[in-house]
Amino acid sequence: MCTKGVLLALAGRLEESLQLLRASGEIAREAGDLARAFQNLTYVQLFAGLADQALVAADEGLQVARRRGTMLFAGIGITEHQAEALVRVGRWDDALALLDAFPYDALEGATLVSFAAPRFDVFLRRGDLDAAARTLAPAVEQAAAMDDAQFGANTRIRAAQLALAAGHLDDARAHISAALAISDRCDDMIYAPKACSVGISAEASCPAPNLRTVEALTARLSAIEAMARSFGGRLLAEPAAFAAMAWAGARELAGGPQPEAWQAATTAWHHCGDKYWTAVCKFKTADAVLRAKGDRSVAARIAAEALAAARSLGAAPLAADLEVLIRRGRLMARPAPVDPLRRLGLTEREAEVLDLLAGGRTNRQIGDALFISDKTVSVHVTNLLRKLGVESRTEAAEMSRRLH
């Protein structure tokens, strides 16, 4: 029943999938295999654009795994899904703290590949290519023998993203080709749209894009969408959002600026609750509006929103691109003044912890307020003390009051 629920999701039949998964959860509650039910449910919720629901389900699933002593079995899978959800909603430091509780260097096989994914995403988006490469290297080695979409294709897509960020376009093309070859054999509708999107981005980055490659990727995308319809469903929200990005990029290469297509991609990602990709598509939308000689005030507003989000996330490369766009376009809207705590390098979550700490709350009280563990709070406190250059909570509280 649980397996059928996942397969229905992979076929794009979400409502039927969630009904089965929830029903199987009730059966599992009686049979004592509840952790596995949560593992499958959170997997589907991630790709259905339900990251907030995945966080709640993962938290309940981990409580079950801890009570039953299965953290090193089902608990690992649920933890990885929780970390993926945290990345999507923009809580990157919380995701890393969650994953760091496990001995990453001791992991192997599919578990290592799974744990590498959210860590890699955070490092890449923050512009730390060295850390991203170190994280991905053992996963690529493990995934080399994996001929499935979830591990084999997905890891190759991330290798393409890293190659693209490093300017190695031929390597990016090769990784996308390998990923799609695997996806073709698996009738994959979850990861292939992302592969198409990254592949089209690689062509857009080339001085001389290969339009035949772009045509092949859009044909592949059309086939994926048709496959979902043939199963009586449609692409899940996250693959559909990557498809929207792919179509926008392809249409730009064929016919110039496409602000409406990029706005559609922005809406798709906003529906998924993914803060990073929403900001990326807002950047693309503002850029397209400018190049199309559209309403500059609209471009200014969208660019300012995207820049605020990028800075809040700590997505340095995206923020730098937006700053260049705002300067180049001489947009009237200027970025909002940076909070003094942000200037000192504190993330949004660390600033929230500091505010509560300054109010005299204990780690446990802070954790309860922010729905995070005491250990995660401790990590944030250690980091913010270092960034503020102080040695105690009292000094940090006093600095917070002065800065505000």
Protein backbone atom coordinates (compact mmCIF):
# COMPACT_ATOMS: atom_id res chain seq x y z
CA MET A 1 0.00 0.00 0.00
CA CYS A 2 2.82 2.35 0.93
CA THR A 3 4.73 1.44 -2.22
CA LYS A 4 1.65 1.96 -4.37
CA GLY A 5 1.19 5.39 -2.80
CA VAL A 6 4.71 6.42 -3.81
CA LEU A 7 4.26 5.00 -7.32
CA LEU A 8 1.05 6.96 -7.77
CA ALA A 9 2.93 10.12 -6.79
CA LEU A 10 5.69 9.34 -9.27
CA ALA A 11 2.96 9.01 -11.92
CA GLY A 12 1.65 12.47 -11.00
CA ARG A 13 -1.55 11.27 -9.29
CA LEU A 14 -0.98 13.19 -6.07
CA GLU A 15 -4.41 13.09 -4.40
CA GLU A 16 -4.66 9.31 -4.75
CA SER A 17 -1.07 8.97 -3.55
CA LEU A 18 -1.60 11.00 -0.37
CA GLN A 19 -4.83 9.15 0.42
CA LEU A 20 -3.04 5.79 0.20
CA LEU A 21 0.00 6.97 2.15
CA ARG A 22 -2.14 8.31 4.97
CA ALA A 23 -4.22 5.13 5.02
CA SER A 24 -1.05 3.01 5.08
CA GLY A 25 0.17 5.18 7.96
CA GLU A 26 -2.87 4.24 10.01
CA ILE A 27 -2.26 0.56 9.28
CA ALA A 28 1.43 0.97 10.08
CA ARG A 29 0.50 2.63 13.39
CA GLU A 30 -1.18 -0.62 14.40
CA ALA A 31 1.48 -2.89 12.87
CA GLY A 32 4.47 -1.04 14.33
CA ASP A 33 6.13 0.05 11.05
CA LEU A 34 5.15 3.71 11.29
CA ALA A 35 8.61 5.17 10.66
CA ARG A 36 8.70 3.70 7.14
CA ALA A 37 5.29 5.21 6.42
CA PHE A 38 6.58 8.64 7.43
CA GLN A 39 9.66 8.17 5.25
CA ASN A 40 7.48 7.58 2.18
CA LEU A 41 5.01 10.35 3.04
CA THR A 42 7.71 13.00 3.49
CA TYR A 43 9.36 11.97 0.21
CA VAL A 44 6.13 12.60 -1.70
CA GLN A 45 5.41 15.83 0.17
CA LEU A 46 8.81 17.25 -0.81
CA PHE A 47 8.20 16.91 -4.53
CA ALA A 48 4.54 17.89 -4.24
CA GLY A 49 5.60 21.36 -3.06
CA LEU A 50 4.46 20.65 0.50
CA ALA A 51 7.71 21.32 2.36
CA ASP A 52 5.93 22.78 5.41
CA GLN A 53 3.83 19.64 5.72
CA ALA A 54 6.93 17.50 5.23
CA LEU A 55 8.60 19.25 8.18
CA VAL A 56 5.67 18.45 10.45
CA ALA A 57 5.44 14.83 9.27
CA ALA A 58 9.21 14.34 9.55
CA ASP A 59 9.23 15.64 13.11
CA GLU A 60 6.51 13.17 14.08
CA GLY A 61 8.28 10.36 12.23
CA LEU A 62 11.58 11.05 14.00
CA GLN A 63 9.84 10.95 17.37
CA VAL A 64 8.52 7.50 16.45
CA ALA A 65 11.96 6.35 15.26
CA ARG A 66 13.59 7.52 18.50
CA ARG A 67 10.99 5.77 20.67
CA ARG A 68 11.44 2.51 18.75
CA GLY A 69 15.22 2.68 18.43
CA THR A 70 15.19 2.80 14.62
CA MET A 71 17.03 6.12 14.09
CA LEU A 72 19.88 4.37 12.23
CA PHE A 73 17.36 2.74 9.89
CA ALA A 74 14.15 4.59 9.02
CA GLY A 75 15.27 7.61 11.05
CA ILE A 76 18.10 8.33 8.63
CA GLY A 77 15.76 8.56 5.65
CA ILE A 78 13.31 10.80 7.51
CA THR A 79 16.18 13.03 8.67
CA GLU A 80 17.35 13.50 5.10
CA HIS A 81 13.85 14.43 3.99
CA GLN A 82 13.53 16.87 6.88
CA ALA A 83 16.83 18.48 5.87
CA GLU A 84 15.62 18.76 2.26
CA ALA A 85 12.45 20.46 3.48
CA LEU A 86 14.46 22.87 5.64
CA VAL A 87 16.56 23.83 2.61
CA ARG A 88 13.43 24.51 0.59
CA VAL A 89 11.88 26.82 3.21
CA GLY A 90 15.16 28.70 3.61
CA ARG A 91 16.33 27.35 6.97
CA TRP A 92 19.76 26.37 5.68
CA ASP A 93 21.69 26.49 8.96
CA ASP A 94 19.05 24.30 10.60
CA ALA A 95 19.42 21.78 7.77
CA LEU A 96 23.19 21.59 8.21
CA ALA A 97 22.89 21.28 12.00
CA LEU A 98 20.42 18.42 11.57
CA LEU A 99 22.68 16.56 9.16
CA ASP A 100 25.80 17.18 11.24
CA ALA A 101 24.28 15.09 14.02
CA PHE A 102 25.12 12.04 11.88
CA PRO A 103 28.72 10.89 11.15
CA TYR A 104 28.80 11.95 7.48
CA ASP A 105 32.25 10.44 6.86
CA ALA A 106 31.01 7.05 8.05
CA LEU A 107 27.99 6.94 5.74
CA GLU A 108 28.03 4.93 2.54
CA GLY A 109 25.89 3.89 -0.40
CA ALA A 110 22.49 5.44 -0.89
CA THR A 111 22.57 6.98 2.60
CA LEU A 112 25.74 8.93 1.81
CA VAL A 113 24.31 10.06 -1.53
CA SER A 114 21.09 11.21 0.16
CA PHE A 115 22.85 13.14 2.91
CA ALA A 116 25.17 14.83 0.41
CA ALA A 117 22.27 16.38 -1.52
CA PRO A 118 20.98 19.05 0.93
CA ARG A 119 24.50 19.83 2.19
CA PHE A 120 25.67 20.34 -1.38
CA ASP A 121 22.70 22.56 -2.19
CA VAL A 122 23.44 24.90 0.74
CA PHE A 123 27.16 25.15 -0.05
CA LEU A 124 26.56 25.75 -3.75
CA ARG A 125 23.93 28.42 -3.17
CA ARG A 126 26.19 30.19 -0.68
CA GLY A 127 28.97 30.23 -3.26
CA ASP A 128 31.32 27.89 -1.37
CA LEU A 129 32.30 25.81 -4.38
CA ASP A 130 35.15 24.07 -2.54
CA ALA A 131 32.82 22.78 0.18
CA ALA A 132 30.24 21.84 -2.44
CA ALA A 133 32.84 19.87 -4.40
CA ARG A 134 34.14 18.09 -1.27
CA THR A 135 30.59 17.14 -0.31
CA LEU A 136 29.63 15.89 -3.75
CA ALA A 137 32.81 13.95 -4.63
CA PRO A 138 32.12 10.84 -2.48
CA ALA A 139 28.45 10.90 -3.55
CA VAL A 140 29.45 10.92 -7.23
CA GLU A 141 31.78 7.99 -6.56
CA GLN A 142 29.01 6.02 -4.83
CA ALA A 143 26.38 6.95 -7.44
CA ALA A 144 28.57 5.88 -10.36
CA ALA A 145 27.18 2.35 -10.07
CA MET A 146 23.59 3.47 -9.41
CA ASP A 147 21.35 3.26 -12.46
CA ASP A 148 18.25 4.81 -10.92
CA ALA A 149 16.71 8.28 -11.00
CA GLN A 150 16.66 9.04 -7.26
CA PHE A 151 20.38 8.46 -6.72
CA GLY A 152 22.10 7.96 -10.07
CA ALA A 153 20.42 10.68 -12.14
CA ASN A 154 19.91 13.09 -9.25
CA THR A 155 23.60 13.05 -8.29
CA ARG A 156 24.67 13.65 -11.89
CA ILE A 157 22.33 16.65 -12.08
CA ARG A 158 24.05 18.14 -9.05
CA ALA A 159 27.44 17.45 -10.65
CA ALA A 160 26.19 19.44 -13.65
CA GLN A 161 25.15 22.32 -11.38
CA LEU A 162 28.62 22.38 -9.82
CA ALA A 163 30.32 22.28 -13.23
CA LEU A 164 28.08 25.11 -14.45
CA ALA A 165 28.89 27.24 -11.39
CA ALA A 166 32.61 26.64 -12.00
CA GLY A 167 32.30 27.58 -15.68
CA HIS A 168 32.99 24.05 -16.99
CA LEU A 169 30.19 23.99 -19.54
CA ASP A 170 31.25 20.86 -21.43
CA ASP A 171 31.35 18.92 -18.16
CA ALA A 172 27.88 20.22 -17.28
CA ARG A 173 26.55 19.05 -20.65
CA ALA A 174 28.08 15.60 -20.16
CA HIS A 175 26.56 15.20 -16.70
CA ILE A 176 23.10 16.22 -17.95
CA SER A 177 23.35 13.79 -20.85
CA ALA A 178 24.23 10.98 -18.42
CA ALA A 179 21.41 11.94 -16.04
CA LEU A 180 18.80 11.96 -18.79
CA ALA A 181 20.02 8.62 -20.13
CA ILE A 182 19.25 7.12 -16.73
CA SER A 183 15.92 8.95 -16.46
CA ASP A 184 14.86 7.62 -19.86
CA ARG A 185 15.37 4.04 -18.69
CA CYS A 186 13.34 4.70 -15.52
CA ASP A 187 10.35 6.58 -16.97
CA ASP A 188 11.38 9.29 -14.52
CA MET A 189 9.10 12.31 -14.12
CA ILE A 190 10.59 13.63 -10.86
CA TYR A 191 14.22 14.47 -11.61
CA ALA A 192 14.26 14.75 -15.43
CA PRO A 193 12.57 18.21 -15.53
CA LYS A 194 15.36 19.56 -13.32
CA ALA A 195 17.94 17.97 -15.65
CA CYS A 196 16.30 19.72 -18.61
CA SER A 197 16.28 23.03 -16.74
CA VAL A 198 19.96 22.80 -15.78
CA GLY A 199 20.84 21.69 -19.32
CA ILE A 200 19.10 24.71 -20.83
CA SER A 201 20.80 26.99 -18.27
CA ALA A 202 24.13 25.57 -19.40
CA GLU A 203 23.34 26.45 -23.02
CA ALA A 204 22.21 29.95 -21.99
CA SER A 205 25.60 30.44 -20.31
CA CYS A 206 27.48 29.60 -23.51
CA PRO A 207 28.67 32.37 -25.84
CA ALA A 208 27.28 30.22 -28.68
CA PRO A 209 24.38 28.09 -27.35
CA ASN A 210 23.72 24.82 -29.12
CA LEU A 211 20.11 25.29 -30.21
CA ARG A 212 19.85 21.64 -31.26
CA THR A 213 20.60 20.66 -27.69
CA VAL A 214 17.94 23.09 -26.48
CA GLU A 215 15.42 21.61 -28.93
CA ALA A 216 16.27 18.10 -27.74
CA LEU A 217 15.80 19.12 -24.11
CA THR A 218 12.42 20.76 -24.76
CA ALA A 219 11.33 17.69 -26.74
CA ARG A 220 12.33 15.56 -23.74
CA LEU A 221 10.33 17.90 -21.49
CA SER A 222 7.26 17.61 -23.72
CA ALA A 223 7.57 13.82 -23.57
CA ILE A 224 7.73 13.89 -19.76
CA GLU A 225 4.60 16.04 -19.54
CA ALA A 226 2.83 13.73 -22.01
CA MET A 227 3.86 10.70 -19.95
CA ALA A 228 2.27 12.20 -16.84
CA ARG A 229 -0.96 12.78 -18.77
CA SER A 230 -0.91 9.22 -20.09
CA PHE A 231 -0.87 7.98 -16.48
CA GLY A 232 -3.91 10.11 -15.72
CA GLY A 233 -1.92 12.66 -13.74
CA ARG A 234 0.36 15.65 -14.11
CA LEU A 235 3.82 16.63 -12.96
CA LEU A 236 4.14 17.17 -9.23
CA ALA A 237 4.60 20.78 -8.15
CA GLU A 238 8.40 20.80 -7.88
CA PRO A 239 9.15 19.03 -11.19
CA ALA A 240 6.53 21.31 -12.79
CA ALA A 241 8.35 24.37 -11.43
CA PHE A 242 11.64 23.15 -12.94
CA ALA A 243 9.76 22.55 -16.19
CA ALA A 244 8.49 26.15 -16.10
CA MET A 245 12.08 27.37 -15.71
CA ALA A 246 13.22 25.15 -18.58
CA TRP A 247 10.49 26.46 -20.90
CA ALA A 248 11.27 30.08 -19.99
CA GLY A 249 14.97 29.59 -20.66
CA ALA A 250 14.36 27.79 -23.94
CA ARG A 251 11.95 30.45 -25.21
CA GLU A 252 14.46 33.18 -24.38
CA LEU A 253 17.15 31.44 -26.40
CA ALA A 254 14.75 31.14 -29.31
CA GLY A 255 12.97 34.50 -29.16
CA GLY A 256 14.48 36.98 -26.70
CA PRO A 257 13.28 38.18 -23.26
CA GLN A 258 10.38 36.27 -21.73
CA PRO A 259 9.25 38.16 -18.59
CA GLU A 260 5.83 36.48 -18.56
CA ALA A 261 7.35 33.00 -18.76
CA TRP A 262 9.75 33.81 -15.92
CA GLN A 263 6.88 35.23 -13.87
CA ALA A 264 5.03 31.94 -14.38
CA ALA A 265 8.10 30.09 -13.08
CA THR A 266 8.25 32.47 -10.09
CA THR A 267 4.62 31.70 -9.29
CA ALA A 268 5.27 27.95 -9.56
CA TRP A 269 8.16 28.11 -7.10
CA HIS A 270 6.27 30.40 -4.74
CA HIS A 271 3.48 27.79 -4.70
CA CYS A 272 6.11 25.21 -3.68
CA GLY A 273 7.31 27.43 -0.83
CA ASP A 274 10.91 27.26 -2.08
CA LYS A 275 12.52 30.57 -1.16
CA TYR A 276 15.74 30.17 -3.14
CA TRP A 277 14.26 29.18 -6.49
CA THR A 278 11.53 31.81 -6.10
CA ALA A 279 14.27 34.44 -5.71
CA VAL A 280 16.18 33.06 -8.71
CA CYS A 281 13.09 33.32 -10.92
CA LYS A 282 12.37 36.84 -9.65
CA PHE A 283 15.90 37.79 -10.70
CA LYS A 284 15.27 36.28 -14.13
CA THR A 285 11.92 38.08 -14.36
CA ALA A 286 13.40 41.48 -13.49
CA ASP A 287 16.25 40.95 -15.94
CA ALA A 288 13.79 39.97 -18.70
CA VAL A 289 11.58 43.02 -18.00
CA LEU A 290 14.61 45.29 -18.39
CA ARG A 291 15.80 43.61 -21.59
CA ALA A 292 12.28 43.78 -23.01
CA LYS A 293 12.21 47.53 -22.17
CA GLY A 294 9.23 46.97 -19.92
CA ASP A 295 8.08 48.84 -16.83
CA ARG A 296 11.23 49.77 -14.91
CA SER A 297 9.34 50.28 -11.66
CA VAL A 298 8.11 46.67 -11.90
CA ALA A 299 11.66 45.44 -12.54
CA ALA A 300 12.89 47.52 -9.60
CA ARG A 301 10.29 46.10 -7.22
CA ILE A 302 10.91 42.49 -8.27
CA ALA A 303 14.70 42.87 -8.11
CA ALA A 304 14.50 44.44 -4.64
CA GLU A 305 12.31 41.57 -3.39
CA ALA A 306 14.72 39.02 -4.81
CA LEU A 307 17.75 40.76 -3.33
CA ALA A 308 16.16 40.90 0.12
CA ALA A 309 15.43 37.16 -0.10
CA ALA A 310 18.95 36.32 -1.35
CA ARG A 311 20.55 38.27 1.47
CA SER A 312 18.26 36.71 4.05
CA LEU A 313 19.22 33.25 2.80
CA GLY A 314 22.92 34.02 2.56
CA ALA A 315 22.84 33.19 -1.17
CA ALA A 316 25.87 35.33 -1.99
CA PRO A 317 26.21 34.58 -5.74
CA LEU A 318 22.53 35.34 -6.37
CA ALA A 319 22.73 38.53 -4.29
CA ALA A 320 25.80 39.65 -6.27
CA ASP A 321 24.00 39.04 -9.57
CA LEU A 322 21.04 41.09 -8.38
CA GLU A 323 23.25 43.96 -7.23
CA VAL A 324 24.84 44.03 -10.68
CA LEU A 325 21.40 44.02 -12.30
CA ILE A 326 20.20 46.92 -10.13
CA ARG A 327 23.31 48.98 -10.88
CA ARG A 328 23.32 48.14 -14.58
CA GLY A 329 19.62 48.86 -14.96
CA ARG A 330 19.80 52.04 -12.84
CA LEU A 331 16.63 50.93 -11.16
CA MET A 332 14.90 53.53 -9.03
CA ALA A 333 14.21 51.19 -6.17
CA ARG A 334 17.20 50.71 -3.94
CA PRO A 335 17.75 47.75 -1.66
CA ALA A 336 16.44 48.22 1.84
CA PRO A 337 19.09 49.12 4.42
CA VAL A 338 20.87 46.06 5.72
CA ASP A 339 20.10 45.18 9.33
CA PRO A 340 23.19 45.79 11.54
CA LEU A 341 23.16 42.13 12.57
CA ARG A 342 23.26 41.07 8.90
CA ARG A 343 26.33 43.28 8.40
CA LEU A 344 28.04 41.26 11.12
CA GLY A 345 27.32 38.08 9.18
CA LEU A 346 24.43 36.69 11.23
CA THR A 347 21.92 34.60 9.31
CA GLU A 348 18.19 35.23 9.67
CA ARG A 349 17.86 32.27 12.05
CA GLU A 350 20.85 33.39 14.17
CA ALA A 351 19.27 36.86 14.44
CA GLU A 352 16.03 35.26 15.65
CA VAL A 353 17.94 33.23 18.25
CA LEU A 354 19.80 36.36 19.39
CA ASP A 355 16.53 38.29 19.85
CA LEU A 356 15.16 35.54 22.08
CA LEU A 357 18.46 35.16 23.92
CA ALA A 358 18.49 38.91 24.61
CA GLY A 359 15.03 38.49 26.10
CA GLY A 360 16.48 36.13 28.69
CA ARG A 361 15.25 32.83 27.27
CA THR A 362 17.07 29.55 27.79
CA ASN A 363 18.12 27.26 24.93
CA ARG A 364 15.10 25.05 25.56
CA GLN A 365 12.73 28.03 25.52
CA ILE A 366 14.32 29.31 22.30
CA GLY A 367 13.99 25.86 20.74
CA ASP A 368 10.31 25.68 21.70
CA ALA A 369 9.67 29.13 20.21
CA LEU A 370 11.42 28.34 16.93
CA PHE A 371 10.45 24.63 16.69
CA ILE A 372 14.07 23.46 16.69
CA SER A 373 16.06 21.19 19.02
CA ASP A 374 18.16 22.35 21.98
CA LYS A 375 21.26 21.10 20.16
CA THR A 376 20.45 23.20 17.09
CA VAL A 377 19.94 26.25 19.32
CA SER A 378 23.34 25.57 20.91
CA VAL A 379 24.97 25.51 17.47
CA HIS A 380 23.34 28.84 16.56
CA VAL A 381 24.42 30.42 19.87
CA THR A 382 28.02 29.28 19.36
CA ASN A 383 28.02 30.70 15.82
CA LEU A 384 26.50 34.05 16.76
CA LEU A 385 28.90 34.54 19.70
CA ARG A 386 31.80 33.98 17.30
CA LYS A 387 30.41 36.36 14.69
CA LEU A 388 29.70 39.07 17.28
CA GLY A 389 33.18 38.66 18.78
CA VAL A 390 31.88 38.12 22.32
CA GLU A 391 32.36 35.33 24.82
CA SER A 392 29.10 35.14 26.75
CA ARG A 393 25.35 35.27 26.30
CA THR A 394 25.23 38.37 28.48
CA GLU A 395 27.65 40.22 26.19
CA ALA A 396 25.68 39.08 23.13
CA ALA A 397 22.42 40.33 24.68
CA GLU A 398 23.96 43.70 25.45
CA MET A 399 25.33 44.06 21.90
CA SER A 400 21.90 43.15 20.51
CA ARG A 401 20.28 45.92 22.55
CA ARG A 402 22.88 48.46 21.38
CA LEU A 403 22.52 47.54 17.72
CA HIS A 404 18.73 47.78 17.87
